Each structure stands twice: as C-alpha cells, then as structure tokens.
Amino acid sequence: MSVSSKIDDLRAIAPHTHFFVLAFQDMLRLTHRLICDAVLKEVALSFVQEDAGHEQWYLFDVEQLGCVRDVRWLFSPTHQPVRDFVYQLMSELLRASDDRVRIIFPLILEATGTVFFKHLVGLVQRSGYDQTLRYFATSHQEIEVNHTIYNDAEQAALNNIEFDENTYQQAIGLVHRCFDSFERFADHLEHHRRDWTDNK
C-alpha cells in the first residue's frame, strides 16, 4: 500500500468521527457533573481537565487533511449513524444511577481510545504525516497514556471501589453495551474506508 493510499484511508474515516469527537467533551463534563462522591468526582475532573481542547486538535487535523465538513453535513443522513452512536453512549451515562457505575463510563472511553490511537497513529506514521497532525499524531497518543488516571493515587481510588451484586451487574451491563456500540462504530468507519477506496 502506497503512502498516498494510507493517508487516503485517514481522509476517508476522519470526517466520520466528527460528532463523536466534538461530543466527547460533553460526555466527560456530564460524568463529572453527575458524580457526587468526592473522591470519584476528583477522578472524573481529571478526565475533563486532561482532555480539554483535544477537539480543537481534531478540527485542525481535518483541515490539514482537506476533509472539513460543515454543520449541514454533520446533521445529514450520512452522519446519522454516528450521531445515534453518541446518543446511545450519552443515554448509558444519563441512565446510570450510581457513582460507582458512572465513573466506569470515562474508563470505557479511555480503553477504546487506546485501541483507536494504536491503529490510527501507526497509519499516520507510515504515511509521513506524524509531524503535521495533532489529534491523530503520536504526540496525542503519548499524552493519553500519561493521563493521571494511570498514576498510583487514582488507581488506588478506583481499586477501593466496593460493589454490591446489583451495582456490579449494572457496571458489567454498561461495559458490554458501550463496547458493543463502539464495535458498531468501528464497523461504520471501516465501511466508509472501503467505500472511499472502491469509488476512487
């Protein structure tokens, strides 16, 4: 696969993450706002603070890649599956009735982000765009893996969470439903990558 075709893959799928990337900040903000437990609220705040402004990196990247989309496209039928995906995630967060379940939500976002960046950053590196981009660049991946959620204090706060059977089952259900949604989202991105390739 040529360098050109690799960056074309990114150009094909980058616009289809638009609504998710922009809504990501609201997901973190709402998680923090809904949590009442002081310790878990502090953990949730670290997510808000450390991911603040990353959507601006994304907007910079789509401009650099020449695949900017306007608001009409964002709310068009083409982008509807991504909007529905985001609304599904939001509904999971808003339906959660226990802080011990709510704090799992940003951890799910972190876990899926780790997989996402692993693959896309590698693609960007191979295409020679790593020094040009911000959101899809190695530098962003490095920031993500150095979040304070991985330090001893926050890990201890999470490890000290105690679940009763009912809350544990709620948490497991949340994880499965969110991961299922992310799998459908990944399939959607792959569809657009293939469609772009087939129609070139």
C-alpha atoms as a PDB file:
ATOM      1  CA  MET A   1       0.000   0.000   0.000  1.00  0.00           C
ATOM      2  CA  SER A   2       1.432   3.397  -1.020  1.00  0.00           C
ATOM      3  CA  VAL A   3       1.897   6.386   1.290  1.00  0.00           C
ATOM      4  CA  SER A   4      -0.831   8.173  -0.650  1.00  0.00           C
ATOM      5  CA  SER A   5      -3.352   5.362  -0.147  1.00  0.00           C
ATOM      6  CA  LYS A   6      -2.603   5.216   3.578  1.00  0.00           C
ATOM      7  CA  ILE A   7      -3.354   8.890   4.134  1.00  0.00           C
ATOM      8  CA  ASP A   8      -6.425   8.496   1.909  1.00  0.00           C
ATOM      9  CA  ASP A   9      -7.665   5.886   4.395  1.00  0.00           C
ATOM     10  CA  LEU A  10      -7.419   8.504   7.143  1.00  0.00           C
ATOM     11  CA  ARG A  11      -9.113  11.123   4.963  1.00  0.00           C
ATOM     12  CA  ALA A  12     -11.934   8.654   4.354  1.00  0.00           C
ATOM     13  CA  ILE A  13     -12.708   7.949   8.002  1.00  0.00           C
ATOM     14  CA  ALA A  14     -11.654  11.144   9.825  1.00  0.00           C
ATOM     15  CA  PRO A  15     -14.834  13.096   8.977  1.00  0.00           C
ATOM     16  CA  HIS A  16     -16.953  10.218  10.269  1.00  0.00           C
ATOM     17  CA  THR A  17     -15.592  10.699  13.788  1.00  0.00           C
ATOM     18  CA  HIS A  18     -16.657  14.363  13.785  1.00  0.00           C
ATOM     19  CA  PHE A  19     -19.758  14.257  16.005  1.00  0.00           C
ATOM     20  CA  PHE A  20     -18.156  11.821  18.429  1.00  0.00           C
ATOM     21  CA  VAL A  21     -15.002  13.906  18.894  1.00  0.00           C
ATOM     22  CA  LEU A  22     -16.987  17.096  19.468  1.00  0.00           C
ATOM     23  CA  ALA A  23     -19.424  15.414  21.867  1.00  0.00           C
ATOM     24  CA  PHE A  24     -16.601  13.720  23.791  1.00  0.00           C
ATOM     25  CA  GLN A  25     -16.039  16.832  25.911  1.00  0.00           C
ATOM     26  CA  ASP A  26     -19.704  16.861  26.942  1.00  0.00           C
ATOM     27  CA  MET A  27     -19.552  13.191  27.916  1.00  0.00           C
ATOM     28  CA  LEU A  28     -16.687  13.920  30.305  1.00  0.00           C
ATOM     29  CA  ARG A  29     -18.292  17.116  31.589  1.00  0.00           C
ATOM     30  CA  LEU A  30     -21.575  15.376  32.325  1.00  0.00           C
ATOM     31  CA  THR A  31     -19.813  12.490  34.049  1.00  0.00           C
ATOM     32  CA  HIS A  32     -18.127  14.941  36.388  1.00  0.00           C
ATOM     33  CA  ARG A  33     -21.318  16.897  36.988  1.00  0.00           C
ATOM     34  CA  LEU A  34     -23.412  13.813  37.788  1.00  0.00           C
ATOM     35  CA  ILE A  35     -20.981  12.232  40.257  1.00  0.00           C
ATOM     36  CA  CYS A  36     -21.492  13.241  43.895  1.00  0.00           C
ATOM     37  CA  ASP A  37     -18.870  11.135  45.691  1.00  0.00           C
ATOM     38  CA  ALA A  38     -15.955  13.481  46.444  1.00  0.00           C
ATOM     39  CA  VAL A  39     -13.179  11.038  45.603  1.00  0.00           C
ATOM     40  CA  LEU A  40     -14.741   9.809  42.366  1.00  0.00           C
ATOM     41  CA  LYS A  41     -15.678  13.361  41.396  1.00  0.00           C
ATOM     42  CA  GLU A  42     -11.990  14.286  41.607  1.00  0.00           C
ATOM     43  CA  VAL A  43     -11.114  11.358  39.360  1.00  0.00           C
ATOM     44  CA  ALA A  44     -13.796  12.449  36.875  1.00  0.00           C
ATOM     45  CA  LEU A  45     -12.420  16.004  36.945  1.00  0.00           C
ATOM     46  CA  SER A  46      -9.004  14.749  35.857  1.00  0.00           C
ATOM     47  CA  PHE A  47     -10.591  13.381  32.671  1.00  0.00           C
ATOM     48  CA  VAL A  48     -12.236  16.740  31.943  1.00  0.00           C
ATOM     49  CA  GLN A  49      -9.059  18.705  32.512  1.00  0.00           C
ATOM     50  CA  GLU A  50      -6.697  16.427  30.625  1.00  0.00           C
ATOM     51  CA  ASP A  51      -8.848  16.086  27.515  1.00  0.00           C
ATOM     52  CA  ALA A  52      -9.871  19.749  27.324  1.00  0.00           C
ATOM     53  CA  GLY A  53      -9.198  21.232  23.915  1.00  0.00           C
ATOM     54  CA  HIS A  54      -8.456  17.993  22.118  1.00  0.00           C
ATOM     55  CA  GLU A  55     -11.417  18.593  19.813  1.00  0.00           C
ATOM     56  CA  GLN A  56      -9.550  21.644  18.534  1.00  0.00           C
ATOM     57  CA  TRP A  57      -6.679  19.359  17.526  1.00  0.00           C
ATOM     58  CA  TYR A  58      -9.173  17.259  15.592  1.00  0.00           C
ATOM     59  CA  LEU A  59     -10.585  20.307  13.774  1.00  0.00           C
ATOM     60  CA  PHE A  60      -7.042  21.333  12.913  1.00  0.00           C
ATOM     61  CA  ASP A  61      -6.306  17.865  11.517  1.00  0.00           C
ATOM     62  CA  VAL A  62      -9.364  17.617   9.268  1.00  0.00           C
ATOM     63  CA  GLU A  63      -8.420  20.982   7.820  1.00  0.00           C
ATOM     64  CA  GLN A  64      -4.858  19.784   7.203  1.00  0.00           C
ATOM     65  CA  LEU A  65      -6.210  16.612   5.598  1.00  0.00           C
ATOM     66  CA  GLY A  66      -8.620  18.527   3.389  1.00  0.00           C
ATOM     67  CA  CYS A  67     -11.718  16.753   4.679  1.00  0.00           C
ATOM     68  CA  VAL A  68     -13.585  19.505   6.562  1.00  0.00           C
ATOM     69  CA  ARG A  69     -17.359  19.052   6.888  1.00  0.00           C
ATOM     70  CA  ASP A  70     -19.952  21.733   7.645  1.00  0.00           C
ATOM     71  CA  VAL A  71     -22.853  21.673  10.109  1.00  0.00           C
ATOM     72  CA  ARG A  72     -25.333  20.656   7.410  1.00  0.00           C
ATOM     73  CA  TRP A  73     -23.266  17.532   6.728  1.00  0.00           C
ATOM     74  CA  LEU A  74     -22.836  16.891  10.447  1.00  0.00           C
ATOM     75  CA  PHE A  75     -26.621  16.633  10.832  1.00  0.00           C
ATOM     76  CA  SER A  76     -27.254  14.977   7.481  1.00  0.00           C
ATOM     77  CA  PRO A  77     -28.438  11.380   6.981  1.00  0.00           C
ATOM     78  CA  THR A  78     -24.844  10.420   6.100  1.00  0.00           C
ATOM     79  CA  HIS A  79     -23.646  11.211   9.619  1.00  0.00           C
ATOM     80  CA  GLN A  80     -26.792   9.976  11.380  1.00  0.00           C
ATOM     81  CA  PRO A  81     -25.307   6.600  12.452  1.00  0.00           C
ATOM     82  CA  VAL A  82     -22.517   8.399  14.312  1.00  0.00           C
ATOM     83  CA  ARG A  83     -24.944  10.781  15.988  1.00  0.00           C
ATOM     84  CA  ASP A  84     -27.079   7.814  17.043  1.00  0.00           C
ATOM     85  CA  PHE A  85     -23.955   6.108  18.406  1.00  0.00           C
ATOM     86  CA  VAL A  86     -23.138   9.188  20.503  1.00  0.00           C
ATOM     87  CA  TYR A  87     -26.723   9.484  21.754  1.00  0.00           C
ATOM     88  CA  GLN A  88     -26.623   5.817  22.784  1.00  0.00           C
ATOM     89  CA  LEU A  89     -23.455   6.421  24.804  1.00  0.00           C
ATOM     90  CA  MET A  90     -24.957   9.522  26.381  1.00  0.00           C
ATOM     91  CA  SER A  91     -28.085   7.603  27.333  1.00  0.00           C
ATOM     92  CA  GLU A  92     -25.970   4.977  29.102  1.00  0.00           C
ATOM     93  CA  LEU A  93     -24.299   7.672  31.164  1.00  0.00           C
ATOM     94  CA  LEU A  94     -27.528   9.527  31.965  1.00  0.00           C
ATOM     95  CA  ARG A  95     -29.336   6.307  32.956  1.00  0.00           C
ATOM     96  CA  ALA A  96     -26.632   5.269  35.428  1.00  0.00           C
ATOM     97  CA  SER A  97     -27.917   5.793  38.955  1.00  0.00           C
ATOM     98  CA  ASP A  98     -24.775   5.105  40.997  1.00  0.00           C
ATOM     99  CA  ASP A  99     -21.452   6.954  41.060  1.00  0.00           C
ATOM    100  CA  ARG A 100     -19.600   3.640  41.050  1.00  0.00           C
ATOM    101  CA  VAL A 101     -21.168   2.902  37.673  1.00  0.00           C
ATOM    102  CA  ARG A 102     -20.825   6.452  36.315  1.00  0.00           C
ATOM    103  CA  ILE A 103     -17.058   6.553  36.853  1.00  0.00           C
ATOM    104  CA  ILE A 104     -16.720   3.474  34.649  1.00  0.00           C
ATOM    105  CA  PHE A 105     -18.016   5.454  31.674  1.00  0.00           C
ATOM    106  CA  PRO A 106     -14.871   7.573  31.076  1.00  0.00           C
ATOM    107  CA  LEU A 107     -12.763   4.465  31.687  1.00  0.00           C
ATOM    108  CA  ILE A 108     -14.583   2.830  28.772  1.00  0.00           C
ATOM    109  CA  LEU A 109     -13.809   5.883  26.627  1.00  0.00           C
ATOM    110  CA  GLU A 110     -10.151   5.621  27.639  1.00  0.00           C
ATOM    111  CA  ALA A 111      -9.990   1.900  26.858  1.00  0.00           C
ATOM    112  CA  THR A 112     -11.488   2.269  23.395  1.00  0.00           C
ATOM    113  CA  GLY A 113      -9.313   5.319  22.739  1.00  0.00           C
ATOM    114  CA  THR A 114      -6.226   3.225  23.422  1.00  0.00           C
ATOM    115  CA  VAL A 115      -7.199   0.803  20.650  1.00  0.00           C
ATOM    116  CA  PHE A 116      -8.234   3.620  18.315  1.00  0.00           C
ATOM    117  CA  PHE A 117      -4.961   5.526  18.630  1.00  0.00           C
ATOM    118  CA  LYS A 118      -2.852   2.393  18.384  1.00  0.00           C
ATOM    119  CA  HIS A 119      -4.116   1.739  14.869  1.00  0.00           C
ATOM    120  CA  LEU A 120      -4.586   5.261  13.523  1.00  0.00           C
ATOM    121  CA  VAL A 121      -1.336   6.670  14.858  1.00  0.00           C
ATOM    122  CA  GLY A 122       0.520   3.812  13.201  1.00  0.00           C
ATOM    123  CA  LEU A 123      -1.206   4.634   9.922  1.00  0.00           C
ATOM    124  CA  VAL A 124      -0.271   8.328  10.262  1.00  0.00           C
ATOM    125  CA  GLN A 125       3.360   7.444  10.979  1.00  0.00           C
ATOM    126  CA  ARG A 126       3.589   5.212   7.916  1.00  0.00           C
ATOM    127  CA  SER A 127       2.060   7.924   5.743  1.00  0.00           C
ATOM    128  CA  GLY A 128       4.626  10.521   6.852  1.00  0.00           C
ATOM    129  CA  TYR A 129       2.059  12.910   8.370  1.00  0.00           C
ATOM    130  CA  ASP A 130       3.001  12.429  12.030  1.00  0.00           C
ATOM    131  CA  GLN A 131       4.693  15.821  12.381  1.00  0.00           C
ATOM    132  CA  THR A 132       1.885  17.605  10.540  1.00  0.00           C
ATOM    133  CA  LEU A 133      -1.133  16.491  12.562  1.00  0.00           C
ATOM    134  CA  ARG A 134      -2.162  16.936  16.202  1.00  0.00           C
ATOM    135  CA  TYR A 135      -5.168  14.776  17.072  1.00  0.00           C
ATOM    136  CA  PHE A 136      -4.093  11.750  15.044  1.00  0.00           C
ATOM    137  CA  ALA A 137      -0.403  12.152  15.903  1.00  0.00           C
ATOM    138  CA  THR A 138       1.946  10.191  18.149  1.00  0.00           C
ATOM    139  CA  SER A 139       2.144  13.194  20.469  1.00  0.00           C
ATOM    140  CA  HIS A 140      -1.577  12.842  21.270  1.00  0.00           C
ATOM    141  CA  GLN A 141      -1.193   9.126  21.940  1.00  0.00           C
ATOM    142  CA  GLU A 142       1.660   9.864  24.348  1.00  0.00           C
ATOM    143  CA  ILE A 143      -0.487  12.395  26.213  1.00  0.00           C
ATOM    144  CA  GLU A 144      -3.284   9.847  26.537  1.00  0.00           C
ATOM    145  CA  VAL A 145      -1.076   7.126  28.021  1.00  0.00           C
ATOM    146  CA  ASN A 146       0.296   9.607  30.569  1.00  0.00           C
ATOM    147  CA  HIS A 147      -3.084  10.644  31.995  1.00  0.00           C
ATOM    148  CA  THR A 148      -3.227  10.832  35.775  1.00  0.00           C
ATOM    149  CA  ILE A 149      -5.798   8.037  35.767  1.00  0.00           C
ATOM    150  CA  TYR A 150      -2.804   5.730  35.450  1.00  0.00           C
ATOM    151  CA  ASN A 151      -0.978   7.096  38.492  1.00  0.00           C
ATOM    152  CA  ASP A 152      -0.961   5.326  41.851  1.00  0.00           C
ATOM    153  CA  ALA A 153      -3.347   7.705  43.629  1.00  0.00           C
ATOM    154  CA  GLU A 154      -6.162   7.464  41.093  1.00  0.00           C
ATOM    155  CA  GLN A 155      -5.638   3.748  40.612  1.00  0.00           C
ATOM    156  CA  ALA A 156      -5.983   3.334  44.382  1.00  0.00           C
ATOM    157  CA  ALA A 157      -9.217   5.349  44.354  1.00  0.00           C
ATOM    158  CA  LEU A 158     -10.635   3.072  41.677  1.00  0.00           C
ATOM    159  CA  ASN A 159      -9.342  -0.128  43.291  1.00  0.00           C
ATOM    160  CA  ASN A 160     -11.043   0.836  46.563  1.00  0.00           C
ATOM    161  CA  ILE A 161     -14.497   0.948  44.991  1.00  0.00           C
ATOM    162  CA  GLU A 162     -16.711  -1.720  46.521  1.00  0.00           C
ATOM    163  CA  PHE A 163     -19.613  -3.158  44.541  1.00  0.00           C
ATOM    164  CA  ASP A 164     -22.668  -4.971  45.817  1.00  0.00           C
ATOM    165  CA  GLU A 165     -24.014  -7.625  43.449  1.00  0.00           C
ATOM    166  CA  ASN A 166     -26.698  -5.385  41.931  1.00  0.00           C
ATOM    167  CA  THR A 167     -24.330  -2.485  41.235  1.00  0.00           C
ATOM    168  CA  TYR A 168     -21.711  -4.865  39.895  1.00  0.00           C
ATOM    169  CA  GLN A 169     -24.194  -6.263  37.388  1.00  0.00           C
ATOM    170  CA  GLN A 170     -25.157  -2.719  36.372  1.00  0.00           C
ATOM    171  CA  ALA A 171     -21.490  -1.919  35.784  1.00  0.00           C
ATOM    172  CA  ILE A 172     -20.907  -5.070  33.710  1.00  0.00           C
ATOM    173  CA  GLY A 173     -24.000  -4.297  31.644  1.00  0.00           C
ATOM    174  CA  LEU A 174     -22.761  -0.780  30.968  1.00  0.00           C
ATOM    175  CA  VAL A 175     -19.387  -2.072  29.801  1.00  0.00           C
ATOM    176  CA  HIS A 176     -20.892  -4.640  27.438  1.00  0.00           C
ATOM    177  CA  ARG A 177     -23.419  -2.232  25.909  1.00  0.00           C
ATOM    178  CA  CYS A 178     -20.852   0.509  25.372  1.00  0.00           C
ATOM    179  CA  PHE A 179     -18.293  -1.842  23.854  1.00  0.00           C
ATOM    180  CA  ASP A 180     -20.995  -3.238  21.549  1.00  0.00           C
ATOM    181  CA  SER A 181     -21.751   0.336  20.450  1.00  0.00           C
ATOM    182  CA  PHE A 182     -18.075   1.031  19.794  1.00  0.00           C
ATOM    183  CA  GLU A 183     -17.819  -2.152  17.734  1.00  0.00           C
ATOM    184  CA  ARG A 184     -20.681  -0.950  15.530  1.00  0.00           C
ATOM    185  CA  PHE A 185     -18.962   2.440  15.261  1.00  0.00           C
ATOM    186  CA  ALA A 186     -15.742   0.745  14.127  1.00  0.00           C
ATOM    187  CA  ASP A 187     -17.696  -1.219  11.510  1.00  0.00           C
ATOM    188  CA  HIS A 188     -19.197   2.059  10.299  1.00  0.00           C
ATOM    189  CA  LEU A 189     -15.746   3.631   9.876  1.00  0.00           C
ATOM    190  CA  GLU A 190     -14.477   0.573   8.026  1.00  0.00           C
ATOM    191  CA  HIS A 191     -17.462   0.739   5.684  1.00  0.00           C
ATOM    192  CA  HIS A 192     -16.624   4.327   4.752  1.00  0.00           C
ATOM    193  CA  ARG A 193     -12.967   3.480   4.292  1.00  0.00           C
ATOM    194  CA  ARG A 194     -13.866   0.717   1.847  1.00  0.00           C
ATOM    195  CA  ASP A 195     -16.456   2.862   0.103  1.00  0.00           C
ATOM    196  CA  TRP A 196     -13.867   5.616  -0.399  1.00  0.00           C
ATOM    197  CA  THR A 197     -11.366   3.078  -1.806  1.00  0.00           C
ATOM    198  CA  ASP A 198     -13.918   1.477  -4.157  1.00  0.00           C
ATOM    199  CA  ASN A 199     -15.017   4.829  -5.575  1.00  0.00           C
ATOM    200  CA  LYS A 200     -11.593   6.355  -6.176  1.00  0.00           C
END
